[in-house]
Amino acid sequence: MASVSSLPPQDESSKPTSHKEVLQDPNQKDKYIKKLHMQERAIEEVKLAIKPFYQKRDITKEEYKEILRKAVQKVCHSKSGEINPVKVANLVKAYVDKYKHGKKHKKEETVQSQHTDSQTPM
């Protein structure tokens, strides 16, 4: 018995082009390399800005990774297309302050919940 497929046969021209095929075009290749280079520069700038906070133990390793990811994405998607070290440092500082503030409130909440639990009569 032969099985019958419910899908119509696909034409070769309707298949999506692979990433390698797109990079064969010189303009696309240049764009890709430029984008990759900008991303690498953004990573280096963010790492330079975040390093002091991590060394002082203001943030944990997980927070470091998360801030790095968010900051690099934000720098790479900026409309200006340039990487300004001062702006990157301010962005990283804002993220660190946000995470420190969040940690502070979590600690206060746990202390308050423990305090109210100990006062409740059984």
PDB file of N, CA and C in Angstrom:
ATOM      1  N   MET A   1       0.838  -1.186   0.000  1.00  0.00           N
ATOM      2  CA  MET A   1       0.000   0.000   0.000  1.00  0.00           C
ATOM      3  C   MET A   1       0.876   1.241   0.000  1.00  0.00           C
ATOM      4  N   ALA A   2       0.486   2.214  -0.763  1.00  0.00           N
ATOM      5  CA  ALA A   2       1.228   3.474  -0.832  1.00  0.00           C
ATOM      6  C   ALA A   2       0.500   4.503   0.010  1.00  0.00           C
ATOM      7  N   SER A   3       1.255   5.241   0.810  1.00  0.00           N
ATOM      8  CA  SER A   3       0.624   6.265   1.643  1.00  0.00           C
ATOM      9  C   SER A   3       0.457   7.543   0.839  1.00  0.00           C
ATOM     10  N   VAL A   4      -0.647   8.213   1.024  1.00  0.00           N
ATOM     11  CA  VAL A   4      -0.945   9.429   0.288  1.00  0.00           C
ATOM     12  C   VAL A   4      -0.727  10.617   1.221  1.00  0.00           C
ATOM     13  N   SER A   5       0.079  11.559   0.796  1.00  0.00           N
ATOM     14  CA  SER A   5       0.365  12.749   1.601  1.00  0.00           C
ATOM     15  C   SER A   5      -0.705  13.798   1.351  1.00  0.00           C
ATOM     16  N   SER A   6      -1.130  14.464   2.390  1.00  0.00           N
ATOM     17  CA  SER A   6      -2.144  15.497   2.239  1.00  0.00           C
ATOM     18  C   SER A   6      -1.526  16.831   1.842  1.00  0.00           C
ATOM     19  N   LEU A   7      -0.196  16.920   1.879  1.00  0.00           N
ATOM     20  CA  LEU A   7       0.478  18.158   1.516  1.00  0.00           C
ATOM     21  C   LEU A   7       0.748  18.197   0.017  1.00  0.00           C
ATOM     22  N   PRO A   8       0.531  19.355  -0.620  1.00  0.00           N
ATOM     23  CA  PRO A   8       0.837  19.452  -2.044  1.00  0.00           C
ATOM     24  C   PRO A   8       2.358  19.481  -2.250  1.00  0.00           C
ATOM     25  N   PRO A   9       2.850  19.013  -3.376  1.00  0.00           N
ATOM     26  CA  PRO A   9       4.298  19.048  -3.617  1.00  0.00           C
ATOM     27  C   PRO A   9       4.780  20.489  -3.690  1.00  0.00           C
ATOM     28  N   GLN A  10       5.967  20.740  -3.113  1.00  0.00           N
ATOM     29  CA  GLN A  10       6.499  22.104  -3.073  1.00  0.00           C
ATOM     30  C   GLN A  10       7.386  22.350  -4.275  1.00  0.00           C
ATOM     31  N   ASP A  11       7.279  23.527  -4.824  1.00  0.00           N
ATOM     32  CA  ASP A  11       8.143  23.952  -5.916  1.00  0.00           C
ATOM     33  C   ASP A  11       9.474  24.388  -5.315  1.00  0.00           C
ATOM     34  N   GLU A  12      10.579  24.160  -5.998  1.00  0.00           N
ATOM     35  CA  GLU A  12      11.908  24.511  -5.488  1.00  0.00           C
ATOM     36  C   GLU A  12      12.040  26.015  -5.252  1.00  0.00           C
ATOM     37  N   SER A  13      11.389  26.851  -6.057  1.00  0.00           N
ATOM     38  CA  SER A  13      11.528  28.305  -5.928  1.00  0.00           C
ATOM     39  C   SER A  13      10.783  28.849  -4.712  1.00  0.00           C
ATOM     40  N   SER A  14       9.830  28.099  -4.171  1.00  0.00           N
ATOM     41  CA  SER A  14       9.064  28.591  -3.026  1.00  0.00           C
ATOM     42  C   SER A  14       9.752  28.312  -1.692  1.00  0.00           C
ATOM     43  N   LYS A  15      10.849  27.533  -1.696  1.00  0.00           N
ATOM     44  CA  LYS A  15      11.554  27.237  -0.454  1.00  0.00           C
ATOM     45  C   LYS A  15      12.280  28.480   0.034  1.00  0.00           C
ATOM     46  N   PRO A  16      12.293  28.704   1.348  1.00  0.00           N
ATOM     47  CA  PRO A  16      13.007  29.870   1.863  1.00  0.00           C
ATOM     48  C   PRO A  16      14.508  29.693   1.652  1.00  0.00           C
ATOM     49  N   THR A  17      15.167  30.803   1.368  1.00  0.00           N
ATOM     50  CA  THR A  17      16.612  30.744   1.159  1.00  0.00           C
ATOM     51  C   THR A  17      17.313  30.599   2.496  1.00  0.00           C
ATOM     52  N   SER A  18      18.399  29.891   2.491  1.00  0.00           N
ATOM     53  CA  SER A  18      19.141  29.684   3.733  1.00  0.00           C
ATOM     54  C   SER A  18      19.962  30.923   4.067  1.00  0.00           C
ATOM     55  N   HIS A  19      20.460  30.953   5.291  1.00  0.00           N
ATOM     56  CA  HIS A  19      21.263  32.080   5.764  1.00  0.00           C
ATOM     57  C   HIS A  19      22.527  32.231   4.925  1.00  0.00           C
ATOM     58  N   LYS A  20      23.144  31.119   4.542  1.00  0.00           N
ATOM     59  CA  LYS A  20      24.360  31.150   3.738  1.00  0.00           C
ATOM     60  C   LYS A  20      24.099  31.723   2.360  1.00  0.00           C
ATOM     61  N   GLU A  21      22.942  31.393   1.775  1.00  0.00           N
ATOM     62  CA  GLU A  21      22.614  31.913   0.463  1.00  0.00           C
ATOM     63  C   GLU A  21      22.411  33.424   0.500  1.00  0.00           C
ATOM     64  N   VAL A  22      21.823  33.927   1.564  1.00  0.00           N
ATOM     65  CA  VAL A  22      21.613  35.366   1.705  1.00  0.00           C
ATOM     66  C   VAL A  22      22.954  36.075   1.819  1.00  0.00           C
ATOM     67  N   LEU A  23      23.917  35.459   2.517  1.00  0.00           N
ATOM     68  CA  LEU A  23      25.222  36.084   2.717  1.00  0.00           C
ATOM     69  C   LEU A  23      26.073  36.096   1.451  1.00  0.00           C
ATOM     70  N   GLN A  24      25.634  35.429   0.389  1.00  0.00           N
ATOM     71  CA  GLN A  24      26.386  35.458  -0.860  1.00  0.00           C
ATOM     72  C   GLN A  24      26.317  36.842  -1.501  1.00  0.00           C
ATOM     73  N   ASP A  25      25.257  37.573  -1.252  1.00  0.00           N
ATOM     74  CA  ASP A  25      25.121  38.932  -1.765  1.00  0.00           C
ATOM     75  C   ASP A  25      26.106  39.832  -1.028  1.00  0.00           C
ATOM     76  N   PRO A  26      26.985  40.548  -1.718  1.00  0.00           N
ATOM     77  CA  PRO A  26      28.011  41.372  -1.043  1.00  0.00           C
ATOM     78  C   PRO A  26      27.434  42.437  -0.106  1.00  0.00           C
ATOM     79  N   ASN A  27      26.320  43.061  -0.483  1.00  0.00           N
ATOM     80  CA  ASN A  27      25.714  44.080   0.383  1.00  0.00           C
ATOM     81  C   ASN A  27      25.212  43.469   1.682  1.00  0.00           C
ATOM     82  N   GLN A  28      24.556  42.320   1.580  1.00  0.00           N
ATOM     83  CA  GLN A  28      24.040  41.642   2.764  1.00  0.00           C
ATOM     84  C   GLN A  28      25.185  41.207   3.670  1.00  0.00           C
ATOM     85  N   LYS A  29      26.247  40.721   3.056  1.00  0.00           N
ATOM     86  CA  LYS A  29      27.397  40.252   3.823  1.00  0.00           C
ATOM     87  C   LYS A  29      28.024  41.420   4.583  1.00  0.00           C
ATOM     88  N   ASP A  30      28.165  42.563   3.925  1.00  0.00           N
ATOM     89  CA  ASP A  30      28.731  43.745   4.580  1.00  0.00           C
ATOM     90  C   ASP A  30      27.851  44.215   5.730  1.00  0.00           C
ATOM     91  N   LYS A  31      26.536  44.201   5.516  1.00  0.00           N
ATOM     92  CA  LYS A  31      25.599  44.596   6.573  1.00  0.00           C
ATOM     93  C   LYS A  31      25.726  43.679   7.785  1.00  0.00           C
ATOM     94  N   TYR A  32      25.808  42.381   7.504  1.00  0.00           N
ATOM     95  CA  TYR A  32      25.903  41.388   8.575  1.00  0.00           C
ATOM     96  C   TYR A  32      27.194  41.568   9.367  1.00  0.00           C
ATOM     97  N   ILE A  33      28.300  41.762   8.674  1.00  0.00           N
ATOM     98  CA  ILE A  33      29.594  41.941   9.343  1.00  0.00           C
ATOM     99  C   ILE A  33      29.597  43.236  10.153  1.00  0.00           C
ATOM    100  N   LYS A  34      29.017  44.289   9.600  1.00  0.00           N
ATOM    101  CA  LYS A  34      28.944  45.565  10.308  1.00  0.00           C
ATOM    102  C   LYS A  34      28.113  45.429  11.589  1.00  0.00           C
ATOM    103  N   LYS A  35      26.987  44.722  11.475  1.00  0.00           N
ATOM    104  CA  LYS A  35      26.110  44.506  12.628  1.00  0.00           C
ATOM    105  C   LYS A  35      26.816  43.680  13.702  1.00  0.00           C
ATOM    106  N   LEU A  36      27.518  42.648  13.268  1.00  0.00           N
ATOM    107  CA  LEU A  36      28.250  41.789  14.194  1.00  0.00           C
ATOM    108  C   LEU A  36      29.359  42.563  14.898  1.00  0.00           C
ATOM    109  N   HIS A  37      30.059  43.397  14.143  1.00  0.00           N
ATOM    110  CA  HIS A  37      31.140  44.205  14.712  1.00  0.00           C
ATOM    111  C   HIS A  37      30.592  45.192  15.746  1.00  0.00           C
ATOM    112  N   MET A  38      29.457  45.809  15.427  1.00  0.00           N
ATOM    113  CA  MET A  38      28.836  46.756  16.359  1.00  0.00           C
ATOM    114  C   MET A  38      28.400  46.044  17.637  1.00  0.00           C
ATOM    115  N   GLN A  39      27.871  44.834  17.488  1.00  0.00           N
ATOM    116  CA  GLN A  39      27.430  44.073  18.657  1.00  0.00           C
ATOM    117  C   GLN A  39      28.620  43.720  19.544  1.00  0.00           C
ATOM    118  N   GLU A  40      29.728  43.338  18.946  1.00  0.00           N
ATOM    119  CA  GLU A  40      30.927  43.014  19.729  1.00  0.00           C
ATOM    120  C   GLU A  40      31.447  44.236  20.471  1.00  0.00           C
ATOM    121  N   ARG A  41      31.432  45.396  19.815  1.00  0.00           N
ATOM    122  CA  ARG A  41      31.865  46.637  20.477  1.00  0.00           C
ATOM    123  C   ARG A  41      30.930  46.989  21.630  1.00  0.00           C
ATOM    124  N   ALA A  42      29.630  46.781  21.421  1.00  0.00           N
ATOM    125  CA  ALA A  42      28.652  47.066  22.472  1.00  0.00           C
ATOM    126  C   ALA A  42      28.889  46.154  23.668  1.00  0.00           C
ATOM    127  N   ILE A  43      29.180  44.890  23.416  1.00  0.00           N
ATOM    128  CA  ILE A  43      29.447  43.939  24.503  1.00  0.00           C
ATOM    129  C   ILE A  43      30.652  44.398  25.313  1.00  0.00           C
ATOM    130  N   GLU A  44      31.710  44.807  24.626  1.00  0.00           N
ATOM    131  CA  GLU A  44      32.923  45.253  25.322  1.00  0.00           C
ATOM    132  C   GLU A  44      32.657  46.494  26.171  1.00  0.00           C
ATOM    133  N   GLU A  45      31.907  47.444  25.628  1.00  0.00           N
ATOM    134  CA  GLU A  45      31.599  48.671  26.372  1.00  0.00           C
ATOM    135  C   GLU A  45      30.754  48.373  27.609  1.00  0.00           C
ATOM    136  N   VAL A  46      29.763  47.519  27.454  1.00  0.00           N
ATOM    137  CA  VAL A  46      28.896  47.176  28.586  1.00  0.00           C
ATOM    138  C   VAL A  46      29.696  46.432  29.652  1.00  0.00           C
ATOM    139  N   LYS A  47      30.563  45.518  29.225  1.00  0.00           N
ATOM    140  CA  LYS A  47      31.392  44.784  30.179  1.00  0.00           C
ATOM    141  C   LYS A  47      32.293  45.738  30.965  1.00  0.00           C
ATOM    142  N   LEU A  48      32.882  46.715  30.267  1.00  0.00           N
ATOM    143  CA  LEU A  48      33.730  47.699  30.951  1.00  0.00           C
ATOM    144  C   LEU A  48      32.932  48.496  31.981  1.00  0.00           C
ATOM    145  N   ALA A  49      31.697  48.842  31.639  1.00  0.00           N
ATOM    146  CA  ALA A  49      30.867  49.648  32.534  1.00  0.00           C
ATOM    147  C   ALA A  49      30.340  48.848  33.719  1.00  0.00           C
ATOM    148  N   ILE A  50      30.081  47.564  33.531  1.00  0.00           N
ATOM    149  CA  ILE A  50      29.453  46.754  34.579  1.00  0.00           C
ATOM    150  C   ILE A  50      30.476  46.128  35.520  1.00  0.00           C
ATOM    151  N   LYS A  51      31.715  46.015  35.075  1.00  0.00           N
ATOM    152  CA  LYS A  51      32.750  45.335  35.845  1.00  0.00           C
ATOM    153  C   LYS A  51      32.921  45.870  37.271  1.00  0.00           C
ATOM    154  N   PRO A  52      32.996  47.184  37.479  1.00  0.00           N
ATOM    155  CA  PRO A  52      33.167  47.686  38.862  1.00  0.00           C
ATOM    156  C   PRO A  52      32.034  47.283  39.808  1.00  0.00           C
ATOM    157  N   PHE A  53      30.814  47.267  39.305  1.00  0.00           N
ATOM    158  CA  PHE A  53      29.665  46.897  40.142  1.00  0.00           C
ATOM    159  C   PHE A  53      29.740  45.422  40.546  1.00  0.00           C
ATOM    160  N   TYR A  54      30.186  44.607  39.607  1.00  0.00           N
ATOM    161  CA  TYR A  54      30.300  43.172  39.891  1.00  0.00           C
ATOM    162  C   TYR A  54      31.448  42.903  40.867  1.00  0.00           C
ATOM    163  N   GLN A  55      32.546  43.635  40.712  1.00  0.00           N
ATOM    164  CA  GLN A  55      33.691  43.449  41.603  1.00  0.00           C
ATOM    165  C   GLN A  55      33.373  43.879  43.028  1.00  0.00           C
ATOM    166  N   LYS A  56      32.541  44.908  43.158  1.00  0.00           N
ATOM    167  CA  LYS A  56      32.137  45.368  44.503  1.00  0.00           C
ATOM    168  C   LYS A  56      31.024  44.518  45.094  1.00  0.00           C
ATOM    169  N   ARG A  57      30.598  43.492  44.354  1.00  0.00           N
ATOM    170  CA  ARG A  57      29.532  42.588  44.780  1.00  0.00           C
ATOM    171  C   ARG A  57      28.181  43.312  44.934  1.00  0.00           C
ATOM    172  N   ASP A  58      27.991  44.365  44.132  1.00  0.00           N
ATOM    173  CA  ASP A  58      26.697  45.043  44.126  1.00  0.00           C
ATOM    174  C   ASP A  58      25.642  44.190  43.415  1.00  0.00           C
ATOM    175  N   ILE A  59      26.097  43.362  42.474  1.00  0.00           N
ATOM    176  CA  ILE A  59      25.192  42.501  41.728  1.00  0.00           C
ATOM    177  C   ILE A  59      25.736  41.077  41.715  1.00  0.00           C
ATOM    178  N   THR A  60      24.826  40.127  41.544  1.00  0.00           N
ATOM    179  CA  THR A  60      25.226  38.711  41.488  1.00  0.00           C
ATOM    180  C   THR A  60      25.610  38.349  40.054  1.00  0.00           C
ATOM    181  N   LYS A  61      26.089  37.134  39.888  1.00  0.00           N
ATOM    182  CA  LYS A  61      26.485  36.655  38.561  1.00  0.00           C
ATOM    183  C   LYS A  61      25.276  36.610  37.624  1.00  0.00           C
ATOM    184  N   GLU A  62      24.147  36.147  38.144  1.00  0.00           N
ATOM    185  CA  GLU A  62      22.931  36.074  37.328  1.00  0.00           C
ATOM    186  C   GLU A  62      22.467  37.463  36.902  1.00  0.00           C
ATOM    187  N   GLU A  63      22.522  38.413  37.833  1.00  0.00           N
ATOM    188  CA  GLU A  63      22.135  39.788  37.505  1.00  0.00           C
ATOM    189  C   GLU A  63      23.096  40.388  36.488  1.00  0.00           C
ATOM    190  N   TYR A  64      24.390  40.059  36.617  1.00  0.00           N
ATOM    191  CA  TYR A  64      25.405  40.513  35.672  1.00  0.00           C
ATOM    192  C   TYR A  64      25.034  40.060  34.262  1.00  0.00           C
ATOM    193  N   LYS A  65      24.713  38.785  34.132  1.00  0.00           N
ATOM    194  CA  LYS A  65      24.363  38.229  32.825  1.00  0.00           C
ATOM    195  C   LYS A  65      23.116  38.897  32.252  1.00  0.00           C
ATOM    196  N   GLU A  66      22.124  39.072  33.108  1.00  0.00           N
ATOM    197  CA  GLU A  66      20.862  39.656  32.657  1.00  0.00           C
ATOM    198  C   GLU A  66      21.037  41.113  32.240  1.00  0.00           C
ATOM    199  N   ILE A  67      21.778  41.881  33.033  1.00  0.00           N
ATOM    200  CA  ILE A  67      22.034  43.282  32.700  1.00  0.00           C
ATOM    201  C   ILE A  67      22.829  43.371  31.407  1.00  0.00           C
ATOM    202  N   LEU A  68      23.833  42.507  31.262  1.00  0.00           N
ATOM    203  CA  LEU A  68      24.647  42.494  30.047  1.00  0.00           C
ATOM    204  C   LEU A  68      23.770  42.250  28.828  1.00  0.00           C
ATOM    205  N   ARG A  69      22.898  41.256  28.915  1.00  0.00           N
ATOM    206  CA  ARG A  69      22.008  40.934  27.799  1.00  0.00           C
ATOM    207  C   ARG A  69      21.106  42.118  27.443  1.00  0.00           C
ATOM    208  N   LYS A  70      20.462  42.686  28.459  1.00  0.00           N
ATOM    209  CA  LYS A  70      19.518  43.775  28.213  1.00  0.00           C
ATOM    210  C   LYS A  70      20.214  45.025  27.686  1.00  0.00           C
ATOM    211  N   ALA A  71      21.356  45.369  28.271  1.00  0.00           N
ATOM    212  CA  ALA A  71      22.059  46.587  27.877  1.00  0.00           C
ATOM    213  C   ALA A  71      22.604  46.469  26.455  1.00  0.00           C
ATOM    214  N   VAL A  72      23.168  45.320  26.110  1.00  0.00           N
ATOM    215  CA  VAL A  72      23.703  45.144  24.758  1.00  0.00           C
ATOM    216  C   VAL A  72      22.583  45.238  23.733  1.00  0.00           C
ATOM    217  N   GLN A  73      21.460  44.620  24.026  1.00  0.00           N
ATOM    218  CA  GLN A  73      20.322  44.686  23.104  1.00  0.00           C
ATOM    219  C   GLN A  73      19.866  46.134  22.921  1.00  0.00           C
ATOM    220  N   LYS A  74      19.806  46.862  24.011  1.00  0.00           N
ATOM    221  CA  LYS A  74      19.341  48.239  23.940  1.00  0.00           C
ATOM    222  C   LYS A  74      20.325  49.123  23.163  1.00  0.00           C
ATOM    223  N   VAL A  75      21.625  48.926  23.396  1.00  0.00           N
ATOM    224  CA  VAL A  75      22.643  49.710  22.689  1.00  0.00           C
ATOM    225  C   VAL A  75      22.621  49.393  21.200  1.00  0.00           C
ATOM    226  N   CYS A  76      22.506  48.126  20.864  1.00  0.00           N
ATOM    227  CA  CYS A  76      22.513  47.718  19.451  1.00  0.00           C
ATOM    228  C   CYS A  76      21.274  48.204  18.695  1.00  0.00           C
ATOM    229  N   HIS A  77      20.159  48.334  19.376  1.00  0.00           N
ATOM    230  CA  HIS A  77      18.931  48.760  18.714  1.00  0.00           C
ATOM    231  C   HIS A  77      18.681  50.261  18.816  1.00  0.00           C
ATOM    232  N   SER A  78      19.678  51.005  19.270  1.00  0.00           N
ATOM    233  CA  SER A  78      19.490  52.453  19.371  1.00  0.00           C
ATOM    234  C   SER A  78      19.417  53.064  17.976  1.00  0.00           C
ATOM    235  N   LYS A  79      18.668  54.130  17.850  1.00  0.00           N
ATOM    236  CA  LYS A  79      18.442  54.747  16.545  1.00  0.00           C
ATOM    237  C   LYS A  79      19.692  55.462  16.027  1.00  0.00           C
ATOM    238  N   SER A  80      20.520  55.955  16.935  1.00  0.00           N
ATOM    239  CA  SER A  80      21.693  56.727  16.505  1.00  0.00           C
ATOM    240  C   SER A  80      22.721  55.856  15.806  1.00  0.00           C
ATOM    241  N   GLY A  81      22.806  54.579  16.193  1.00  0.00           N
ATOM    242  CA  GLY A  81      23.751  53.683  15.559  1.00  0.00           C
ATOM    243  C   GLY A  81      25.170  53.827  16.051  1.00  0.00           C
ATOM    244  N   GLU A  82      25.380  54.647  17.067  1.00  0.00           N
ATOM    245  CA  GLU A  82      26.727  54.819  17.618  1.00  0.00           C
ATOM    246  C   GLU A  82      26.760  54.301  19.053  1.00  0.00           C
ATOM    247  N   ILE A  83      27.959  54.006  19.521  1.00  0.00           N
ATOM    248  CA  ILE A  83      28.125  53.509  20.885  1.00  0.00           C
ATOM    249  C   ILE A  83      28.862  54.581  21.679  1.00  0.00           C
ATOM    250  N   ASN A  84      28.120  55.274  22.524  1.00  0.00           N
ATOM    251  CA  ASN A  84      28.686  56.338  23.347  1.00  0.00           C
ATOM    252  C   ASN A  84      28.996  55.752  24.728  1.00  0.00           C
ATOM    253  N   PRO A  85      30.285  55.673  25.110  1.00  0.00           N
ATOM    254  CA  PRO A  85      30.650  55.057  26.392  1.00  0.00           C
ATOM    255  C   PRO A  85      29.986  55.704  27.614  1.00  0.00           C
ATOM    256  N   VAL A  86      29.775  57.010  27.567  1.00  0.00           N
ATOM    257  CA  VAL A  86      29.141  57.710  28.693  1.00  0.00           C
ATOM    258  C   VAL A  86      27.687  57.257  28.828  1.00  0.00           C
ATOM    259  N   LYS A  87      26.999  57.182  27.701  1.00  0.00           N
ATOM    260  CA  LYS A  87      25.602  56.743  27.734  1.00  0.00           C
ATOM    261  C   LYS A  87      25.483  55.278  28.152  1.00  0.00           C
ATOM    262  N   VAL A  88      26.425  54.465  27.686  1.00  0.00           N
ATOM    263  CA  VAL A  88      26.420  53.035  28.062  1.00  0.00           C
ATOM    264  C   VAL A  88      26.623  52.908  29.567  1.00  0.00           C
ATOM    265  N   ALA A  89      27.562  53.693  30.118  1.00  0.00           N
ATOM    266  CA  ALA A  89      27.823  53.651  31.561  1.00  0.00           C
ATOM    267  C   ALA A  89      26.586  54.072  32.352  1.00  0.00           C
ATOM    268  N   ASN A  90      25.893  55.097  31.884  1.00  0.00           N
ATOM    269  CA  ASN A  90      24.668  55.548  32.560  1.00  0.00           C
ATOM    270  C   ASN A  90      23.569  54.487  32.485  1.00  0.00           C
ATOM    271  N   LEU A  91      23.450  53.837  31.333  1.00  0.00           N
ATOM    272  CA  LEU A  91      22.460  52.778  31.169  1.00  0.00           C
ATOM    273  C   LEU A  91      22.741  51.624  32.133  1.00  0.00           C
ATOM    274  N   VAL A  92      23.997  51.213  32.214  1.00  0.00           N
ATOM    275  CA  VAL A  92      24.376  50.112  33.099  1.00  0.00           C
ATOM    276  C   VAL A  92      24.131  50.502  34.552  1.00  0.00           C
ATOM    277  N   LYS A  93      24.485  51.726  34.915  1.00  0.00           N
ATOM    278  CA  LYS A  93      24.271  52.193  36.293  1.00  0.00           C
ATOM    279  C   LYS A  93      22.782  52.169  36.642  1.00  0.00           C
ATOM    280  N   ALA A  94      21.948  52.572  35.702  1.00  0.00           N
ATOM    281  CA  ALA A  94      20.497  52.553  35.933  1.00  0.00           C
ATOM    282  C   ALA A  94      19.997  51.123  36.142  1.00  0.00           C
ATOM    283  N   TYR A  95      20.497  50.191  35.335  1.00  0.00           N
ATOM    284  CA  TYR A  95      20.105  48.788  35.509  1.00  0.00           C
ATOM    285  C   TYR A  95      20.561  48.258  36.865  1.00  0.00           C
ATOM    286  N   VAL A  96      21.787  48.579  37.254  1.00  0.00           N
ATOM    287  CA  VAL A  96      22.309  48.107  38.545  1.00  0.00           C
ATOM    288  C   VAL A  96      21.463  48.671  39.681  1.00  0.00           C
ATOM    289  N   ASP A  97      21.152  49.970  39.613  1.00  0.00           N
ATOM    290  CA  ASP A  97      20.306  50.588  40.648  1.00  0.00           C
ATOM    291  C   ASP A  97      18.939  49.915  40.705  1.00  0.00           C
ATOM    292  N   LYS A  98      18.391  49.585  39.540  1.00  0.00           N
ATOM    293  CA  LYS A  98      17.089  48.925  39.477  1.00  0.00           C
ATOM    294  C   LYS A  98      17.145  47.556  40.169  1.00  0.00           C
ATOM    295  N   TYR A  99      18.199  46.809  39.896  1.00  0.00           N
ATOM    296  CA  TYR A  99      18.319  45.481  40.504  1.00  0.00           C
ATOM    297  C   TYR A  99      18.593  45.576  42.006  1.00  0.00           C
ATOM    298  N   LYS A 100      19.411  46.542  42.413  1.00  0.00           N
ATOM    299  CA  LYS A 100      19.683  46.721  43.844  1.00  0.00           C
ATOM    300  C   LYS A 100      18.405  47.113  44.571  1.00  0.00           C
ATOM    301  N   HIS A 101      17.619  47.988  43.953  1.00  0.00           N
ATOM    302  CA  HIS A 101      16.360  48.431  44.550  1.00  0.00           C
ATOM    303  C   HIS A 101      15.402  47.248  44.689  1.00  0.00           C
ATOM    304  N   GLY A 102      15.362  46.400  43.671  1.00  0.00           N
ATOM    305  CA  GLY A 102      14.499  45.221  43.716  1.00  0.00           C
ATOM    306  C   GLY A 102      14.911  44.258  44.809  1.00  0.00           C
ATOM    307  N   LYS A 103      16.230  44.068  44.979  1.00  0.00           N
ATOM    308  CA  LYS A 103      16.729  43.178  46.037  1.00  0.00           C
ATOM    309  C   LYS A 103      16.370  43.719  47.411  1.00  0.00           C
ATOM    310  N   LYS A 104      16.487  45.034  47.572  1.00  0.00           N
ATOM    311  CA  LYS A 104      16.207  45.676  48.853  1.00  0.00           C
ATOM    312  C   LYS A 104      14.747  45.449  49.258  1.00  0.00           C
ATOM    313  N   HIS A 105      13.841  45.604  48.286  1.00  0.00           N
ATOM    314  CA  HIS A 105      12.418  45.408  48.592  1.00  0.00           C
ATOM    315  C   HIS A 105      12.093  43.948  48.866  1.00  0.00           C
ATOM    316  N   LYS A 106      12.763  43.035  48.196  1.00  0.00           N
ATOM    317  CA  LYS A 106      12.530  41.612  48.460  1.00  0.00           C
ATOM    318  C   LYS A 106      12.943  41.266  49.882  1.00  0.00           C
ATOM    319  N   LYS A 107      14.076  41.823  50.327  1.00  0.00           N
ATOM    320  CA  LYS A 107      14.549  41.563  51.686  1.00  0.00           C
ATOM    321  C   LYS A 107      13.557  42.110  52.707  1.00  0.00           C
ATOM    322  N   GLU A 108      13.063  43.350  52.453  1.00  0.00           N
ATOM    323  CA  GLU A 108      12.106  43.962  53.369  1.00  0.00           C
ATOM    324  C   GLU A 108      10.829  43.142  53.449  1.00  0.00           C
ATOM    325  N   GLU A 109      10.363  42.628  52.319  1.00  0.00           N
ATOM    326  CA  GLU A 109       9.143  41.829  52.297  1.00  0.00           C
ATOM    327  C   GLU A 109       9.323  40.538  53.090  1.00  0.00           C
ATOM    328  N   THR A 110      10.454  39.885  52.946  1.00  0.00           N
ATOM    329  CA  THR A 110      10.685  38.631  53.669  1.00  0.00           C
ATOM    330  C   THR A 110      10.814  38.895  55.160  1.00  0.00           C
ATOM    331  N   VAL A 111      11.461  39.993  55.530  1.00  0.00           N
ATOM    332  CA  VAL A 111      11.600  40.337  56.949  1.00  0.00           C
ATOM    333  C   VAL A 111      10.230  40.643  57.536  1.00  0.00           C
ATOM    334  N   GLN A 112       9.395  41.409  56.813  1.00  0.00           N
ATOM    335  CA  GLN A 112       8.067  41.741  57.297  1.00  0.00           C
ATOM    336  C   GLN A 112       7.190  40.501  57.408  1.00  0.00           C
ATOM    337  N   SER A 113       7.272  39.609  56.441  1.00  0.00           N
ATOM    338  CA  SER A 113       6.438  38.410  56.503  1.00  0.00           C
ATOM    339  C   SER A 113       6.880  37.503  57.649  1.00  0.00           C
ATOM    340  N   GLN A 114       8.177  37.427  57.907  1.00  0.00           N
ATOM    341  CA  GLN A 114       8.667  36.638  59.030  1.00  0.00           C
ATOM    342  C   GLN A 114       8.246  37.280  60.347  1.00  0.00           C
ATOM    343  N   HIS A 115       8.289  38.608  60.384  1.00  0.00           N
ATOM    344  CA  HIS A 115       7.920  39.337  61.604  1.00  0.00           C
ATOM    345  C   HIS A 115       6.439  39.146  61.916  1.00  0.00           C
ATOM    346  N   THR A 116       5.557  39.218  60.892  1.00  0.00           N
ATOM    347  CA  THR A 116       4.130  39.040  61.135  1.00  0.00           C
ATOM    348  C   THR A 116       3.793  37.595  61.438  1.00  0.00           C
ATOM    349  N   ASP A 117       4.546  36.642  60.862  1.00  0.00           N
ATOM    350  CA  ASP A 117       4.308  35.232  61.163  1.00  0.00           C
ATOM    351  C   ASP A 117       4.640  34.907  62.606  1.00  0.00           C
ATOM    352  N   SER A 118       5.674  35.527  63.130  1.00  0.00           N
ATOM    353  CA  SER A 118       6.086  35.234  64.511  1.00  0.00           C
ATOM    354  C   SER A 118       5.118  35.864  65.532  1.00  0.00           C
ATOM    355  N   GLN A 119       4.387  36.910  65.107  1.00  0.00           N
ATOM    356  CA  GLN A 119       3.455  37.573  66.041  1.00  0.00           C
ATOM    357  C   GLN A 119       2.077  36.922  66.062  1.00  0.00           C
ATOM    358  N   THR A 120       1.724  36.146  65.091  1.00  0.00           N
ATOM    359  CA  THR A 120       0.408  35.537  65.041  1.00  0.00           C
ATOM    360  C   THR A 120       0.282  34.433  66.097  1.00  0.00           C
ATOM    361  N   PRO A 121      -0.725  34.544  66.946  1.00  0.00           N
ATOM    362  CA  PRO A 121      -0.893  33.504  67.976  1.00  0.00           C
ATOM    363  C   PRO A 121      -1.437  32.215  67.367  1.00  0.00           C
ATOM    364  N   MET A 122      -1.060  31.110  67.935  1.00  0.00           N
ATOM    365  CA  MET A 122      -1.525  29.811  67.423  1.00  0.00           C
ATOM    366  C   MET A 122      -2.553  29.228  68.316  1.00  0.00           C
TER     367      MET A 122
END
